[in-house]
Amino acid sequence: MMKLVLLGLVVLAVGGCVCVVWADRGGPRWTRVVAAATLCLGRLVRSSAKNNRRSGGSSGGD
């Protein structure tokens, strides 16, 4: 089950990247919407990781 979830996340990430490239080259409107959502989510993940490093916390544990 966990492998299916991971596979789904990878497919969504690759699809988002494809939409970013396609929208940059003048794709249809829906690709621009998906590309904007992908870029926004990427910024949120990056800022979250940056804040986590600053606070010195670790999200993973044994």
PDB file of N, CA and C in Angstrom:
ATOM      1  N   MET A   1       0.821  -1.198   0.000  1.00  0.00           N
ATOM      2  CA  MET A   1       0.000   0.000   0.000  1.00  0.00           C
ATOM      3  C   MET A   1       0.866   1.264   0.000  1.00  0.00           C
ATOM      4  N   MET A   2       1.917   1.238   0.823  1.00  0.00           N
ATOM      5  CA  MET A   2       2.792   2.404   0.902  1.00  0.00           C
ATOM      6  C   MET A   2       3.507   2.646  -0.430  1.00  0.00           C
ATOM      7  N   LYS A   3       3.830   1.562  -1.129  1.00  0.00           N
ATOM      8  CA  LYS A   3       4.488   1.712  -2.430  1.00  0.00           C
ATOM      9  C   LYS A   3       3.556   2.394  -3.429  1.00  0.00           C
ATOM     10  N   LEU A   4       2.270   2.101  -3.367  1.00  0.00           N
ATOM     11  CA  LEU A   4       1.306   2.742  -4.263  1.00  0.00           C
ATOM     12  C   LEU A   4       1.189   4.235  -3.976  1.00  0.00           C
ATOM     13  N   VAL A   5       1.207   4.598  -2.703  1.00  0.00           N
ATOM     14  CA  VAL A   5       1.145   6.011  -2.335  1.00  0.00           C
ATOM     15  C   VAL A   5       2.391   6.736  -2.833  1.00  0.00           C
ATOM     16  N   LEU A   6       3.550   6.121  -2.629  1.00  0.00           N
ATOM     17  CA  LEU A   6       4.793   6.721  -3.099  1.00  0.00           C
ATOM     18  C   LEU A   6       4.809   6.837  -4.617  1.00  0.00           C
ATOM     19  N   LEU A   7       4.352   5.812  -5.297  1.00  0.00           N
ATOM     20  CA  LEU A   7       4.277   5.849  -6.756  1.00  0.00           C
ATOM     21  C   LEU A   7       3.336   6.956  -7.224  1.00  0.00           C
ATOM     22  N   GLY A   8       2.210   7.118  -6.544  1.00  0.00           N
ATOM     23  CA  GLY A   8       1.275   8.184  -6.877  1.00  0.00           C
ATOM     24  C   GLY A   8       1.894   9.563  -6.708  1.00  0.00           C
ATOM     25  N   LEU A   9       2.657   9.751  -5.630  1.00  0.00           N
ATOM     26  CA  LEU A   9       3.321  11.036  -5.409  1.00  0.00           C
ATOM     27  C   LEU A   9       4.374  11.321  -6.479  1.00  0.00           C
ATOM     28  N   VAL A  10       5.089  10.296  -6.881  1.00  0.00           N
ATOM     29  CA  VAL A  10       6.097  10.473  -7.936  1.00  0.00           C
ATOM     30  C   VAL A  10       5.426  10.833  -9.256  1.00  0.00           C
ATOM     31  N   VAL A  11       4.324  10.162  -9.570  1.00  0.00           N
ATOM     32  CA  VAL A  11       3.594  10.460 -10.809  1.00  0.00           C
ATOM     33  C   VAL A  11       3.065  11.891 -10.789  1.00  0.00           C
ATOM     34  N   LEU A  12       2.539  12.329  -9.644  1.00  0.00           N
ATOM     35  CA  LEU A  12       2.055  13.712  -9.542  1.00  0.00           C
ATOM     36  C   LEU A  12       3.198  14.716  -9.692  1.00  0.00           C
ATOM     37  N   ALA A  13       4.347  14.431  -9.101  1.00  0.00           N
ATOM     38  CA  ALA A  13       5.491  15.343  -9.204  1.00  0.00           C
ATOM     39  C   ALA A  13       5.990  15.432 -10.647  1.00  0.00           C
ATOM     40  N   VAL A  14       6.106  14.301 -11.308  1.00  0.00           N
ATOM     41  CA  VAL A  14       6.564  14.304 -12.705  1.00  0.00           C
ATOM     42  C   VAL A  14       5.542  15.011 -13.593  1.00  0.00           C
ATOM     43  N   GLY A  15       4.266  14.742 -13.358  1.00  0.00           N
ATOM     44  CA  GLY A  15       3.224  15.417 -14.135  1.00  0.00           C
ATOM     45  C   GLY A  15       3.245  16.922 -13.934  1.00  0.00           C
ATOM     46  N   GLY A  16       3.492  17.346 -12.701  1.00  0.00           N
ATOM     47  CA  GLY A  16       3.589  18.783 -12.427  1.00  0.00           C
ATOM     48  C   GLY A  16       4.767  19.411 -13.152  1.00  0.00           C
ATOM     49  N   CYS A  17       5.891  18.710 -13.158  1.00  0.00           N
ATOM     50  CA  CYS A  17       7.069  19.234 -13.863  1.00  0.00           C
ATOM     51  C   CYS A  17       6.823  19.327 -15.366  1.00  0.00           C
ATOM     52  N   VAL A  18       6.145  18.330 -15.907  1.00  0.00           N
ATOM     53  CA  VAL A  18       5.811  18.356 -17.341  1.00  0.00           C
ATOM     54  C   VAL A  18       4.906  19.553 -17.640  1.00  0.00           C
ATOM     55  N   CYS A  19       3.943  19.809 -16.764  1.00  0.00           N
ATOM     56  CA  CYS A  19       3.038  20.941 -16.977  1.00  0.00           C
ATOM     57  C   CYS A  19       3.774  22.272 -16.885  1.00  0.00           C
ATOM     58  N   VAL A  20       4.773  22.373 -16.004  1.00  0.00           N
ATOM     59  CA  VAL A  20       5.546  23.611 -15.900  1.00  0.00           C
ATOM     60  C   VAL A  20       6.274  23.880 -17.216  1.00  0.00           C
ATOM     61  N   VAL A  21       6.904  22.860 -17.765  1.00  0.00           N
ATOM     62  CA  VAL A  21       7.626  23.029 -19.033  1.00  0.00           C
ATOM     63  C   VAL A  21       6.656  23.341 -20.172  1.00  0.00           C
ATOM     64  N   TRP A  22       5.540  22.607 -20.217  1.00  0.00           N
ATOM     65  CA  TRP A  22       4.560  22.797 -21.279  1.00  0.00           C
ATOM     66  C   TRP A  22       3.931  24.186 -21.205  1.00  0.00           C
ATOM     67  N   ALA A  23       3.619  24.650 -20.007  1.00  0.00           N
ATOM     68  CA  ALA A  23       3.025  25.978 -19.847  1.00  0.00           C
ATOM     69  C   ALA A  23       4.024  27.068 -20.239  1.00  0.00           C
ATOM     70  N   ASP A  24       5.302  26.830 -19.945  1.00  0.00           N
ATOM     71  CA  ASP A  24       6.331  27.811 -20.313  1.00  0.00           C
ATOM     72  C   ASP A  24       6.446  27.941 -21.826  1.00  0.00           C
ATOM     73  N   ARG A  25       6.123  26.870 -22.531  1.00  0.00           N
ATOM     74  CA  ARG A  25       6.189  26.891 -23.990  1.00  0.00           C
ATOM     75  C   ARG A  25       4.860  27.276 -24.630  1.00  0.00           C
ATOM     76  N   GLY A  26       3.906  27.727 -23.814  1.00  0.00           N
ATOM     77  CA  GLY A  26       2.651  28.216 -24.358  1.00  0.00           C
ATOM     78  C   GLY A  26       1.556  27.177 -24.456  1.00  0.00           C
ATOM     79  N   GLY A  27       1.484  26.306 -23.497  1.00  0.00           N
ATOM     80  CA  GLY A  27       0.463  25.259 -23.513  1.00  0.00           C
ATOM     81  C   GLY A  27      -0.923  25.803 -23.221  1.00  0.00           C
ATOM     82  N   PRO A  28      -1.900  24.906 -23.160  1.00  0.00           N
ATOM     83  CA  PRO A  28      -3.274  25.328 -22.870  1.00  0.00           C
ATOM     84  C   PRO A  28      -3.420  25.899 -21.469  1.00  0.00           C
ATOM     85  N   ARG A  29      -4.564  26.496 -21.203  1.00  0.00           N
ATOM     86  CA  ARG A  29      -4.803  27.183 -19.941  1.00  0.00           C
ATOM     87  C   ARG A  29      -4.675  26.253 -18.736  1.00  0.00           C
ATOM     88  N   TRP A  30      -5.186  25.008 -18.860  1.00  0.00           N
ATOM     89  CA  TRP A  30      -5.151  24.111 -17.705  1.00  0.00           C
ATOM     90  C   TRP A  30      -3.722  23.768 -17.309  1.00  0.00           C
ATOM     91  N   THR A  31      -2.782  23.754 -18.288  1.00  0.00           N
ATOM     92  CA  THR A  31      -1.393  23.479 -17.918  1.00  0.00           C
ATOM     93  C   THR A  31      -0.813  24.637 -17.124  1.00  0.00           C
ATOM     94  N   ARG A  32      -1.255  25.857 -17.429  1.00  0.00           N
ATOM     95  CA  ARG A  32      -0.773  27.012 -16.660  1.00  0.00           C
ATOM     96  C   ARG A  32      -1.271  26.968 -15.228  1.00  0.00           C
ATOM     97  N   VAL A  33      -2.506  26.496 -15.052  1.00  0.00           N
ATOM     98  CA  VAL A  33      -3.062  26.379 -13.703  1.00  0.00           C
ATOM     99  C   VAL A  33      -2.303  25.315 -12.910  1.00  0.00           C
ATOM    100  N   VAL A  34      -2.075  24.165 -13.522  1.00  0.00           N
ATOM    101  CA  VAL A  34      -1.340  23.091 -12.845  1.00  0.00           C
ATOM    102  C   VAL A  34       0.100  23.522 -12.578  1.00  0.00           C
ATOM    103  N   ALA A  35       0.714  24.226 -13.520  1.00  0.00           N
ATOM    104  CA  ALA A  35       2.081  24.695 -13.334  1.00  0.00           C
ATOM    105  C   ALA A  35       2.164  25.692 -12.184  1.00  0.00           C
ATOM    106  N   ALA A  36       1.205  26.597 -12.093  1.00  0.00           N
ATOM    107  CA  ALA A  36       1.200  27.562 -10.993  1.00  0.00           C
ATOM    108  C   ALA A  36       1.039  26.859  -9.650  1.00  0.00           C
ATOM    109  N   ALA A  37       0.169  25.864  -9.598  1.00  0.00           N
ATOM    110  CA  ALA A  37      -0.016  25.108  -8.356  1.00  0.00           C
ATOM    111  C   ALA A  37       1.252  24.336  -7.991  1.00  0.00           C
ATOM    112  N   THR A  38       1.917  23.761  -8.986  1.00  0.00           N
ATOM    113  CA  THR A  38       3.148  23.016  -8.747  1.00  0.00           C
ATOM    114  C   THR A  38       4.243  23.933  -8.214  1.00  0.00           C
ATOM    115  N   LEU A  39       4.393  25.092  -8.838  1.00  0.00           N
ATOM    116  CA  LEU A  39       5.427  26.029  -8.392  1.00  0.00           C
ATOM    117  C   LEU A  39       5.134  26.565  -6.995  1.00  0.00           C
ATOM    118  N   CYS A  40       3.862  26.825  -6.712  1.00  0.00           N
ATOM    119  CA  CYS A  40       3.475  27.305  -5.387  1.00  0.00           C
ATOM    120  C   CYS A  40       3.763  26.242  -4.324  1.00  0.00           C
ATOM    121  N   LEU A  41       3.413  25.009  -4.616  1.00  0.00           N
ATOM    122  CA  LEU A  41       3.670  23.924  -3.679  1.00  0.00           C
ATOM    123  C   LEU A  41       5.172  23.742  -3.461  1.00  0.00           C
ATOM    124  N   GLY A  42       5.951  23.873  -4.511  1.00  0.00           N
ATOM    125  CA  GLY A  42       7.411  23.784  -4.382  1.00  0.00           C
ATOM    126  C   GLY A  42       7.971  24.867  -3.486  1.00  0.00           C
ATOM    127  N   ARG A  43       7.451  26.085  -3.626  1.00  0.00           N
ATOM    128  CA  ARG A  43       7.898  27.184  -2.760  1.00  0.00           C
ATOM    129  C   ARG A  43       7.546  26.920  -1.306  1.00  0.00           C
ATOM    130  N   LEU A  44       6.335  26.385  -1.080  1.00  0.00           N
ATOM    131  CA  LEU A  44       5.924  26.073   0.293  1.00  0.00           C
ATOM    132  C   LEU A  44       6.816  24.998   0.912  1.00  0.00           C
ATOM    133  N   VAL A  45       7.135  23.977   0.152  1.00  0.00           N
ATOM    134  CA  VAL A  45       7.998  22.910   0.664  1.00  0.00           C
ATOM    135  C   VAL A  45       9.387  23.444   0.961  1.00  0.00           C
ATOM    136  N   ARG A  46       9.907  24.280   0.062  1.00  0.00           N
ATOM    137  CA  ARG A  46      11.230  24.854   0.282  1.00  0.00           C
ATOM    138  C   ARG A  46      11.278  25.729   1.517  1.00  0.00           C
ATOM    139  N   SER A  47      10.270  26.590   1.690  1.00  0.00           N
ATOM    140  CA  SER A  47      10.275  27.476   2.862  1.00  0.00           C
ATOM    141  C   SER A  47      10.070  26.681   4.141  1.00  0.00           C
ATOM    142  N   SER A  48       9.291  25.616   4.077  1.00  0.00           N
ATOM    143  CA  SER A  48       9.099  24.762   5.244  1.00  0.00           C
ATOM    144  C   SER A  48      10.402  24.083   5.630  1.00  0.00           C
ATOM    145  N   ALA A  49      11.135  23.591   4.648  1.00  0.00           N
ATOM    146  CA  ALA A  49      12.415  22.945   4.927  1.00  0.00           C
ATOM    147  C   ALA A  49      13.412  23.949   5.477  1.00  0.00           C
ATOM    148  N   LYS A  50      13.394  25.163   4.942  1.00  0.00           N
ATOM    149  CA  LYS A  50      14.304  26.201   5.413  1.00  0.00           C
ATOM    150  C   LYS A  50      13.996  26.566   6.860  1.00  0.00           C
ATOM    151  N   ASN A  51      12.699  26.713   7.180  1.00  0.00           N
ATOM    152  CA  ASN A  51      12.309  27.033   8.552  1.00  0.00           C
ATOM    153  C   ASN A  51      12.653  25.891   9.499  1.00  0.00           C
ATOM    154  N   ASN A  52      12.532  24.660   9.050  1.00  0.00           N
ATOM    155  CA  ASN A  52      12.855  23.509   9.878  1.00  0.00           C
ATOM    156  C   ASN A  52      14.350  23.469  10.191  1.00  0.00           C
ATOM    157  N   ARG A  53      15.186  23.810   9.211  1.00  0.00           N
ATOM    158  CA  ARG A  53      16.635  23.845   9.444  1.00  0.00           C
ATOM    159  C   ARG A  53      16.994  24.952  10.417  1.00  0.00           C
ATOM    160  N   ARG A  54      16.328  26.099  10.296  1.00  0.00           N
ATOM    161  CA  ARG A  54      16.623  27.227  11.187  1.00  0.00           C
ATOM    162  C   ARG A  54      16.268  26.918  12.628  1.00  0.00           C
ATOM    163  N   SER A  55      15.151  26.213  12.823  1.00  0.00           N
ATOM    164  CA  SER A  55      14.696  25.926  14.178  1.00  0.00           C
ATOM    165  C   SER A  55      15.505  24.779  14.808  1.00  0.00           C
ATOM    166  N   GLY A  56      16.220  24.028  13.994  1.00  0.00           N
ATOM    167  CA  GLY A  56      17.035  22.945  14.523  1.00  0.00           C
ATOM    168  C   GLY A  56      16.265  21.691  14.811  1.00  0.00           C
ATOM    169  N   GLY A  57      15.015  21.656  14.411  1.00  0.00           N
ATOM    170  CA  GLY A  57      14.183  20.474  14.645  1.00  0.00           C
ATOM    171  C   GLY A  57      14.412  19.420  13.590  1.00  0.00           C
ATOM    172  N   SER A  58      14.117  18.190  13.964  1.00  0.00           N
ATOM    173  CA  SER A  58      14.193  17.111  12.979  1.00  0.00           C
ATOM    174  C   SER A  58      12.835  16.470  12.869  1.00  0.00           C
ATOM    175  N   SER A  59      12.408  16.219  11.646  1.00  0.00           N
ATOM    176  CA  SER A  59      11.089  15.650  11.434  1.00  0.00           C
ATOM    177  C   SER A  59      11.104  14.134  11.514  1.00  0.00           C
ATOM    178  N   GLY A  60      12.259  13.531  11.288  1.00  0.00           N
ATOM    179  CA  GLY A  60      12.331  12.082  11.318  1.00  0.00           C
ATOM    180  C   GLY A  60      12.938  11.601  12.627  1.00  0.00           C
ATOM    181  N   GLY A  61      12.580  10.421  13.002  1.00  0.00           N
ATOM    182  CA  GLY A  61      13.155   9.899  14.233  1.00  0.00           C
ATOM    183  C   GLY A  61      13.124   8.393  14.251  1.00  0.00           C
ATOM    184  N   ASP A  62      13.812   7.817  15.195  1.00  0.00           N
ATOM    185  CA  ASP A  62      13.843   6.364  15.329  1.00  0.00           C
ATOM    186  C   ASP A  62      12.810   5.885  16.303  1.00  0.00           C
TER     187      ASP A  62
END
